[in-house]
């Protein structure tokens, strides 16, 4: 399907008046006006280049730090309406997928565009499952890390190293090759994550069990000790599956923008997704739920919440897990997460930080300061508490985010490759540094 924005259209309204989908910009420096086409409520940044004071000028650019209002691509994968709190994968609501689907089925949807038939799902599950084992040399690679290495750093490096094991991955415009790398990345991601976790504990690695589900096998590789056969708890298995669904994709966020930016150089998918994992590593992205747990520990008790909220309103600290770059309403994933949290707590025991979290949420949802700023709980607010109750250390939190996001990254990477409009990413800048200067000998410098 051609992804190019169509040309300007003339439309007739119900009243019979003619409307052109354009915007007219008048440059007050020259008095000259320019009519630019509007498509999908957007204008092309390159159309601004015709606006010049002198013919030899470069032309006008838009300035948008952190891409607050710039669309870098056309995508058909994930839809978000932040004002209404809507999240959909390929048109399906996140609420319905979390209730009825599984992570592997949702991953198929993201990657192939449609929900699978029974035969397609069986084939997809088989291929992912039978690519969970990693090369024995990768185990040696993991063994080279220090015992206290951060699991996320180990995962980044190991995924990048896979590009040296699968040279066929460089054939990125071969559909069969892309499919094979997809099986490998989705299949091996939980294995590498679990091995990184076991390495930090000094425990032997547990090989995949292909008779278990995707989340069940991950729990097996994480927590199996002396059992002849590991049987994951169904509640924890389903909770992890739902968490994986909720984290599978989220439009053009920092790590997705990274996989597209790096992928635009036509590098192999292992290198591109390793870069995405590195972006996810940061506390403002994949590490945000870890920051929530730290904040709750810092508060210490329910009685101290009002004083902490007062400090937040004074600008002295931040209320982690509240507010979102996109959502100006309740994050739809947070509502689902909260329900899952109680199911996990009923099994594992109530997390002692829960009461603090609930009090923070209660005050923030009633306080005009937060309501006016549309600061609602986001997906990170409860995930850390769930992971902690399931026995994960905080260092594993971003890794648990990266495992399911792999399917979304690959879907976005492949969409980029097949989009005829996309080129190697190369943003412009506004240069405000020195003009031409002459080199001065060191003895003449002040």
Protein backbone atom coordinates (compact mmCIF):
# COMPACT_ATOMS: atom_id res chain seq x y z
CA UNK A 1 0.00 0.00 0.00
CA UNK A 2 1.35 3.40 -0.98
CA UNK A 3 2.04 5.40 2.18
CA UNK A 4 2.58 8.77 0.49
CA UNK A 5 0.39 11.64 1.58
CA UNK A 6 -2.10 12.44 -1.21
CA UNK A 7 -2.22 15.80 -2.92
CA UNK A 8 -4.51 18.66 -1.97
CA UNK A 9 -8.21 17.96 -2.42
CA UNK A 10 -11.12 20.32 -2.99
CA UNK A 11 -14.24 19.38 -1.03
CA UNK A 12 -17.83 20.58 -1.12
CA UNK A 13 -19.56 20.97 2.24
CA UNK A 14 -23.23 20.24 3.00
CA UNK A 15 -24.01 23.95 2.49
CA UNK A 16 -22.58 23.85 -1.02
CA UNK A 17 -19.50 25.92 -0.27
CA UNK A 18 -16.15 24.82 -1.66
CA UNK A 19 -13.33 24.12 0.76
CA UNK A 20 -9.70 23.54 -0.08
CA UNK A 21 -7.60 21.48 2.30
CA UNK A 22 -4.81 24.02 2.47
CA UNK A 23 -3.30 26.56 4.84
CA UNK A 24 -2.10 29.98 3.73
CA UNK A 25 1.03 31.36 5.36
CA UNK A 26 1.98 35.00 4.94
CA UNK A 27 5.64 35.84 5.51
CA UNK A 28 5.56 39.32 7.05
CA UNK A 29 9.24 39.76 6.24
CA UNK A 30 8.44 39.83 2.51
CA UNK A 31 4.65 40.16 2.38
CA UNK A 32 4.50 37.04 0.24
CA UNK A 33 1.86 34.38 0.85
CA UNK A 34 2.17 30.62 0.37
CA UNK A 35 -0.60 28.04 0.09
CA UNK A 36 0.41 24.68 1.56
CA UNK A 37 -1.62 21.46 1.25
CA UNK A 38 -3.07 19.84 4.37
CA UNK A 39 -3.47 16.07 4.54
CA UNK A 40 -4.50 14.15 7.67
CA UNK A 41 -4.29 17.45 9.61
CA UNK A 42 -0.61 17.79 8.70
CA UNK A 43 1.54 19.82 6.36
CA UNK A 44 4.81 18.58 4.94
CA UNK A 45 7.83 20.19 6.55
CA UNK A 46 9.54 20.28 3.15
CA UNK A 47 6.78 22.57 1.86
CA UNK A 48 8.11 25.21 4.26
CA UNK A 49 11.38 25.28 2.34
CA UNK A 50 9.84 27.45 -0.38
CA UNK A 51 9.45 30.27 2.16
CA UNK A 52 12.58 32.41 1.71
CA UNK A 53 13.65 36.04 2.07
CA UNK A 54 16.36 35.70 -0.58
CA UNK A 55 16.56 33.13 -3.39
CA UNK A 56 19.86 31.81 -2.01
CA UNK A 57 18.37 31.18 1.45
CA UNK A 58 18.07 27.57 2.64
CA UNK A 59 14.36 28.06 3.32
CA UNK A 60 12.19 27.87 6.41
CA UNK A 61 12.27 24.90 8.77
CA UNK A 62 10.08 23.89 11.69
CA UNK A 63 11.73 23.77 15.13
CA UNK A 64 10.41 21.01 17.36
CA UNK A 65 12.67 19.85 20.22
CA UNK A 66 11.87 16.26 21.30
CA UNK A 67 9.32 15.92 18.46
CA UNK A 68 6.43 17.29 20.50
CA UNK A 69 4.35 17.98 17.40
CA UNK A 70 6.13 16.37 14.47
CA UNK A 71 5.00 13.22 12.65
CA UNK A 72 8.01 11.34 11.29
CA UNK A 73 6.09 8.55 9.60
CA UNK A 74 2.75 7.17 8.48
CA UNK A 75 1.90 4.05 10.48
CA UNK A 76 -0.93 1.53 10.53
CA UNK A 77 0.14 -0.34 13.67
CA UNK A 78 -0.89 1.45 16.87
CA UNK A 79 -3.43 4.21 17.48
CA UNK A 80 -3.48 6.44 20.55
CA UNK A 81 -5.94 9.18 21.46
CA UNK A 82 -4.33 10.68 24.53
CA UNK A 83 -7.21 13.03 25.33
CA UNK A 84 -9.75 10.20 25.41
CA UNK A 85 -7.44 7.55 26.88
CA UNK A 86 -7.66 5.21 23.88
CA UNK A 87 -5.04 2.65 22.83
CA UNK A 88 -5.59 0.24 19.94
CA UNK A 89 -3.38 -2.30 18.16
CA UNK A 90 -4.35 -2.58 14.48
CA UNK A 91 -7.82 -1.28 15.41
CA UNK A 92 -8.41 -3.61 18.38
CA UNK A 93 -8.85 -1.97 21.79
CA UNK A 94 -6.20 -2.77 24.39
CA UNK A 95 -8.97 -3.64 26.86
CA UNK A 96 -10.39 -6.35 24.58
CA UNK A 97 -6.98 -7.79 23.73
CA UNK A 98 -5.97 -7.91 27.41
CA UNK A 99 -9.18 -9.74 28.24
CA UNK A 100 -9.38 -12.21 25.35
CA UNK A 101 -5.99 -12.54 23.67
CA UNK A 102 -2.54 -13.89 24.50
CA UNK A 103 0.77 -12.17 24.03
CA UNK A 104 1.84 -14.37 21.10
CA UNK A 105 -1.50 -13.83 19.35
CA UNK A 106 -1.21 -10.08 19.91
CA UNK A 107 2.38 -10.13 18.63
CA UNK A 108 1.14 -11.85 15.47
CA UNK A 109 -1.49 -9.13 15.08
CA UNK A 110 1.10 -6.38 15.38
CA UNK A 111 3.49 -8.05 12.95
CA UNK A 112 1.06 -9.37 10.33
CA UNK A 113 -1.77 -6.85 10.60
CA UNK A 114 -4.58 -9.31 11.33
CA UNK A 115 -5.53 -11.74 14.08
CA UNK A 116 -4.38 -15.24 13.11
CA UNK A 117 -6.55 -18.18 12.16
CA UNK A 118 -6.16 -21.30 14.29
CA UNK A 119 -3.71 -22.76 11.76
CA UNK A 120 -1.71 -19.54 11.52
CA UNK A 121 -1.49 -19.22 15.29
CA UNK A 122 -0.34 -22.82 15.65
CA UNK A 123 2.39 -22.27 13.05
CA UNK A 124 3.44 -18.96 14.64
CA UNK A 125 3.64 -20.46 18.13
CA UNK A 126 5.61 -23.43 16.84
CA UNK A 127 8.20 -21.27 15.08
CA UNK A 128 8.64 -18.89 18.03
CA UNK A 129 8.84 -21.75 20.52
CA UNK A 130 11.43 -23.62 18.44
CA UNK A 131 13.68 -20.56 18.30
CA UNK A 132 13.90 -20.06 22.07
CA UNK A 133 17.22 -21.89 22.46
CA UNK A 134 20.39 -19.81 22.10
CA UNK A 135 23.79 -20.81 20.76
CA UNK A 136 26.07 -22.24 23.44
CA UNK A 137 28.63 -19.53 22.63
CA UNK A 138 26.06 -16.93 23.69
CA UNK A 139 26.09 -18.55 27.13
CA UNK A 140 29.85 -18.04 27.22
CA UNK A 141 29.29 -14.42 26.17
CA UNK A 142 26.91 -13.92 29.10
CA UNK A 143 29.37 -15.58 31.46
CA UNK A 144 31.85 -12.83 30.63
CA UNK A 145 29.79 -10.22 32.46
CA UNK A 146 30.63 -9.30 36.05
CA UNK A 147 28.33 -10.85 38.64
CA UNK A 148 26.70 -7.49 39.46
CA UNK A 149 26.20 -6.35 35.86
CA UNK A 150 22.80 -4.80 35.25
CA UNK A 151 20.54 -7.31 33.43
CA UNK A 152 19.42 -4.64 30.95
CA UNK A 153 23.01 -3.93 29.93
CA UNK A 154 23.55 -7.66 29.44
CA UNK A 155 20.43 -7.95 27.26
CA UNK A 156 21.43 -4.97 25.09
CA UNK A 157 24.87 -6.42 24.44
CA UNK A 158 23.65 -9.96 23.83
CA UNK A 159 20.95 -8.96 21.34
CA UNK A 160 23.53 -6.90 19.46
CA UNK A 161 25.91 -9.87 19.50
CA UNK A 162 23.31 -12.06 17.77
CA UNK A 163 24.01 -10.15 14.56
CA UNK A 164 27.41 -11.87 14.48
CA UNK A 165 25.73 -15.30 14.70
CA UNK A 166 23.16 -14.77 11.97
CA UNK A 167 24.79 -13.20 8.93
CA UNK A 168 21.65 -13.79 6.88
CA UNK A 169 19.97 -11.06 8.96
CA UNK A 170 21.69 -8.45 6.78
CA UNK A 171 19.42 -9.43 3.90
CA UNK A 172 16.72 -7.12 5.23
CA UNK A 173 14.72 -6.85 2.00
CA UNK A 174 14.29 -10.61 1.80
CA UNK A 175 10.87 -11.36 3.28
CA UNK A 176 11.82 -14.90 4.30
CA UNK A 177 14.93 -13.64 6.07
CA UNK A 178 12.92 -11.00 7.97
CA UNK A 179 10.44 -13.67 9.04
CA UNK A 180 13.25 -15.89 10.33
CA UNK A 181 14.85 -13.06 12.32
CA UNK A 182 11.42 -12.27 13.79
CA UNK A 183 11.08 -15.84 15.06
CA UNK A 184 14.57 -15.63 16.52
CA UNK A 185 14.16 -12.27 18.24
CA UNK A 186 10.72 -12.93 19.72
CA UNK A 187 11.74 -16.46 20.70
CA UNK A 188 15.17 -15.77 22.16
CA UNK A 189 14.33 -12.56 23.99
CA UNK A 190 12.87 -14.23 27.13
CA UNK A 191 15.70 -16.79 27.14
CA UNK A 192 18.39 -14.11 27.11
CA UNK A 193 16.50 -12.09 29.74
CA UNK A 194 16.14 -15.12 32.02
CA UNK A 195 19.79 -16.11 31.58
CA UNK A 196 20.86 -12.56 32.45
CA UNK A 197 18.76 -12.76 35.62
CA UNK A 198 20.22 -16.14 36.62
CA UNK A 199 23.74 -14.87 35.94
CA UNK A 200 23.27 -12.03 38.45
CA UNK A 201 22.28 -14.64 41.06
CA UNK A 202 25.13 -17.00 40.25
CA UNK A 203 22.61 -19.73 39.46
CA UNK A 204 22.84 -22.25 36.60
CA UNK A 205 20.90 -21.45 33.45
CA UNK A 206 17.59 -23.21 32.88
CA UNK A 207 16.92 -24.22 29.29
CA UNK A 208 13.58 -23.50 27.63
CA UNK A 209 10.70 -25.93 28.00
CA UNK A 210 8.84 -25.96 24.70
CA UNK A 211 5.77 -27.56 26.26
CA UNK A 212 5.03 -24.41 28.27
CA UNK A 213 3.38 -21.20 27.12
CA UNK A 214 5.45 -18.15 26.24
CA UNK A 215 5.09 -16.50 29.70
CA UNK A 216 5.11 -19.89 31.44
CA UNK A 217 8.39 -20.84 29.83
CA UNK A 218 9.87 -17.50 30.87
CA UNK A 219 8.85 -18.13 34.49
CA UNK A 220 10.38 -21.61 34.21
CA UNK A 221 13.74 -20.24 33.05
CA UNK A 222 13.68 -17.62 35.80
CA UNK A 223 12.63 -19.56 38.86
CA UNK A 224 13.08 -23.29 38.35
CA UNK A 225 15.47 -24.83 40.88
CA UNK A 226 15.40 -28.53 41.73
CA UNK A 227 11.98 -29.48 40.32
CA UNK A 228 11.91 -32.31 37.81
CA UNK A 229 9.33 -30.27 35.89
CA UNK A 230 8.37 -26.66 36.52
CA UNK A 231 4.67 -25.81 36.54
CA UNK A 232 4.00 -22.06 36.56
CA UNK A 233 1.20 -20.74 38.72
CA UNK A 234 -1.73 -20.00 36.35
CA UNK A 235 -2.47 -16.64 37.99
CA UNK A 236 1.10 -15.41 37.61
CA UNK A 237 1.34 -16.87 34.12
CA UNK A 238 -1.78 -15.01 32.98
CA UNK A 239 -0.75 -11.82 34.77
CA UNK A 240 2.58 -11.84 32.94
CA UNK A 241 0.81 -12.54 29.63
CA UNK A 242 -1.45 -9.50 30.16
CA UNK A 243 1.50 -7.31 31.10
CA UNK A 244 3.25 -8.44 27.92
CA UNK A 245 0.18 -7.52 25.84
CA UNK A 246 0.00 -4.06 27.41
CA UNK A 247 3.67 -3.37 26.67
CA UNK A 248 3.81 -4.81 23.14
CA UNK A 249 3.73 -1.46 21.32
CA UNK A 250 2.99 2.18 22.05
CA UNK A 251 3.27 4.21 18.87
CA UNK A 252 6.29 6.48 18.23
CA UNK A 253 7.85 6.54 21.69
CA UNK A 254 11.56 7.02 22.40
CA UNK A 255 12.65 3.41 21.78
CA UNK A 256 10.40 2.97 18.73
CA UNK A 257 11.73 6.21 17.27
CA UNK A 258 15.20 4.79 17.93
CA UNK A 259 14.55 1.49 16.15
CA UNK A 260 13.19 3.41 13.18
CA UNK A 261 16.07 5.90 13.19
CA UNK A 262 18.77 3.24 13.44
CA UNK A 263 16.88 0.91 11.11
CA UNK A 264 16.73 3.63 8.46
CA UNK A 265 20.44 3.05 7.86
CA UNK A 266 19.45 -0.49 6.73
CA UNK A 267 21.35 -2.17 9.52
CA UNK A 268 20.36 -5.71 10.58
CA UNK A 269 17.39 -6.06 13.00
CA UNK A 270 19.56 -7.24 15.91
CA UNK A 271 21.57 -4.03 15.89
CA UNK A 272 18.45 -1.89 15.44
CA UNK A 273 16.54 -3.55 18.29
CA UNK A 274 19.61 -3.47 20.55
CA UNK A 275 19.60 0.30 20.07
CA UNK A 276 15.91 0.36 20.99
CA UNK A 277 16.60 -1.62 24.17
CA UNK A 278 19.32 0.90 25.03
CA UNK A 279 16.76 3.71 24.66
CA UNK A 280 14.35 1.78 26.88
CA UNK A 281 17.07 1.47 29.54
CA UNK A 282 16.66 5.10 30.62
CA UNK A 283 14.69 6.05 33.76
CA UNK A 284 12.38 8.30 31.73
CA UNK A 285 11.31 5.35 29.59
CA UNK A 286 11.61 1.69 30.57
CA UNK A 287 13.04 2.46 33.99
CA UNK A 288 10.08 4.57 35.09
CA UNK A 289 8.38 1.81 37.11
CA UNK A 290 11.62 1.30 39.03
CA UNK A 291 11.51 5.01 39.89
CA UNK A 292 7.96 4.58 41.19
CA UNK A 293 9.07 1.87 43.62
CA UNK A 294 11.97 4.04 44.78
CA UNK A 295 9.57 6.92 45.34
CA UNK A 296 7.19 4.79 47.39
CA UNK A 297 10.10 3.57 49.52
CA UNK A 298 11.18 7.19 49.99
CA UNK A 299 7.70 8.19 51.18
CA UNK A 300 7.80 5.34 53.67
CA UNK A 301 4.26 5.36 55.06
CA UNK A 302 0.70 6.44 54.28
CA UNK A 303 0.94 9.18 56.92
CA UNK A 304 3.78 10.83 55.02
CA UNK A 305 1.96 10.99 51.67
CA UNK A 306 0.35 14.45 52.22
CA UNK A 307 3.75 15.99 53.01
CA UNK A 308 5.25 14.34 49.93
CA UNK A 309 2.40 15.64 47.75
CA UNK A 310 3.04 19.11 49.16
CA UNK A 311 6.68 18.84 48.05
CA UNK A 312 5.56 17.74 44.58
CA UNK A 313 3.31 20.78 44.25
CA UNK A 314 6.15 23.02 45.40
CA UNK A 315 8.32 21.68 42.58
CA UNK A 316 10.79 20.04 44.97
CA UNK A 317 10.27 16.50 43.67
CA UNK A 318 8.22 14.51 41.14
CA UNK A 319 5.27 12.19 41.53
CA UNK A 320 6.58 9.27 39.50
CA UNK A 321 4.06 7.14 37.62
CA UNK A 322 1.70 10.07 37.04
CA UNK A 323 1.26 11.96 33.81
CA UNK A 324 2.27 10.91 30.33
CA UNK A 325 3.69 12.57 27.26
CA UNK A 326 0.68 11.44 25.20
CA UNK A 327 -2.17 10.64 27.61
CA UNK A 328 -4.08 13.59 29.04
CA UNK A 329 -6.58 11.19 30.52
CA UNK A 330 -6.31 7.98 32.55
CA UNK A 331 -3.82 5.68 30.80
CA UNK A 332 -6.05 2.78 29.63
CA UNK A 333 -3.28 0.32 30.45
CA UNK A 334 -3.19 1.55 34.07
CA UNK A 335 -6.83 0.53 34.64
CA UNK A 336 -6.08 -3.01 33.45
CA UNK A 337 -2.83 -3.17 35.42
CA UNK A 338 -4.60 -2.19 38.65
CA UNK A 339 -7.00 -5.14 38.31
CA UNK A 340 -4.10 -7.51 37.56
CA UNK A 341 -2.23 -6.15 40.57
CA UNK A 342 -4.97 -7.22 42.97
CA UNK A 343 -5.06 -10.71 41.45
CA UNK A 344 -1.32 -11.05 42.02
CA UNK A 345 -1.53 -9.61 45.55
CA UNK A 346 -4.32 -12.07 46.44
CA UNK A 347 -1.93 -14.88 45.56
CA UNK A 348 1.42 -13.53 46.70
CA UNK A 349 0.30 -11.31 49.56
CA UNK A 350 -0.28 -7.58 49.57
CA UNK A 351 2.74 -5.51 48.64
CA UNK A 352 3.48 -3.28 51.68
CA UNK A 353 3.88 -0.33 49.31
CA UNK A 354 0.34 -0.70 47.95
CA UNK A 355 -1.34 1.43 50.62
CA UNK A 356 1.12 4.25 49.96
CA UNK A 357 0.46 3.97 46.24
CA UNK A 358 -3.32 4.02 46.69
CA UNK A 359 -3.13 7.10 48.92
CA UNK A 360 -0.94 8.90 46.35
CA UNK A 361 -3.47 8.02 43.66
CA UNK A 362 -6.47 9.11 45.78
CA UNK A 363 -5.01 12.51 46.61
CA UNK A 364 -3.73 13.16 43.11
CA UNK A 365 -7.08 12.34 41.47
CA UNK A 366 -8.89 14.76 43.81
CA UNK A 367 -6.34 17.56 44.06
CA UNK A 368 -6.96 20.47 41.69
CA UNK A 369 -3.21 20.83 41.09
CA UNK A 370 -3.01 17.40 39.43
CA UNK A 371 -6.48 17.43 37.86
CA UNK A 372 -5.82 20.78 36.19
CA UNK A 373 -2.56 19.45 34.75
CA UNK A 374 -4.25 16.18 33.69
CA UNK A 375 -1.79 14.08 35.68
CA UNK A 376 -3.33 10.63 35.92
CA UNK A 377 -1.70 7.30 36.81
CA UNK A 378 0.17 5.75 33.89
CA UNK A 379 1.18 2.17 33.15
CA UNK A 380 4.31 2.42 35.29
CA UNK A 381 2.48 3.24 38.51
CA UNK A 382 1.41 -0.32 39.32
CA UNK A 383 3.71 -2.52 37.21
CA UNK A 384 6.63 -2.15 39.60
CA UNK A 385 4.49 -3.28 42.53
CA UNK A 386 3.32 -6.33 40.56
CA UNK A 387 6.83 -7.29 39.47
CA UNK A 388 8.12 -6.86 43.00
CA UNK A 389 5.37 -9.10 44.39
CA UNK A 390 6.21 -11.73 41.76
CA UNK A 391 9.77 -11.82 43.05
CA UNK A 392 11.59 -9.70 40.48
CA UNK A 393 14.35 -7.32 41.62
CA UNK A 394 14.01 -3.75 40.39
CA UNK A 395 16.92 -4.25 37.97
CA UNK A 396 14.70 -6.64 36.01
CA UNK A 397 11.86 -4.15 35.54
CA UNK A 398 13.10 -2.61 32.26
CA UNK A 399 14.00 -6.08 30.96
CA UNK A 400 10.40 -7.19 31.53
CA UNK A 401 9.35 -4.19 29.45
CA UNK A 402 11.78 -5.02 26.63
CA UNK A 403 10.66 -8.65 26.16
CA UNK A 404 7.15 -7.89 24.86
CA UNK A 405 8.13 -4.63 23.16
CA UNK A 406 10.32 -6.66 20.79
CA UNK A 407 7.31 -7.58 18.65
CA UNK A 408 6.27 -3.93 18.38
CA UNK A 409 9.80 -2.84 17.48
CA UNK A 410 10.05 -5.42 14.70
CA UNK A 411 6.62 -4.43 13.34
CA UNK A 412 7.68 -0.77 13.28
CA UNK A 413 11.08 -1.65 11.75
CA UNK A 414 9.49 -3.67 8.96
CA UNK A 415 6.91 -0.96 8.27
CA UNK A 416 9.77 1.52 7.92
CA UNK A 417 11.63 -0.70 5.45
CA UNK A 418 8.57 -1.16 3.24
CA UNK A 419 7.59 2.52 3.22
CA UNK A 420 8.81 4.03 -0.08
CA UNK A 421 8.88 7.53 1.43
CA UNK A 422 11.35 6.67 4.18
CA UNK A 423 15.03 7.48 3.85
CA UNK A 424 17.94 7.43 6.27
CA UNK A 425 16.98 9.60 9.25
CA UNK A 426 18.75 12.96 9.17
CA UNK A 427 17.15 15.77 11.21
CA UNK A 428 18.11 19.39 10.57
CA UNK A 429 19.39 21.82 13.17
CA UNK A 430 19.31 25.54 13.82
CA UNK A 431 22.94 26.57 14.12
CA UNK A 432 23.59 29.39 16.61
CA UNK A 433 27.32 28.93 17.05
CA UNK A 434 30.22 31.09 15.86
CA UNK A 435 30.53 32.29 12.30
CA UNK A 436 33.87 31.77 10.50
CA UNK A 437 36.89 32.24 12.75
CA UNK A 438 40.62 32.16 12.05
CA UNK A 439 42.91 29.73 13.79
CA UNK A 440 45.21 31.48 16.29
CA UNK A 441 48.59 30.06 17.42
CA UNK A 442 48.49 28.88 21.02
CA UNK A 443 50.74 31.68 22.28
CA UNK A 444 48.26 34.27 20.99
CA UNK A 445 45.19 32.80 22.69
CA UNK A 446 43.77 34.51 25.76
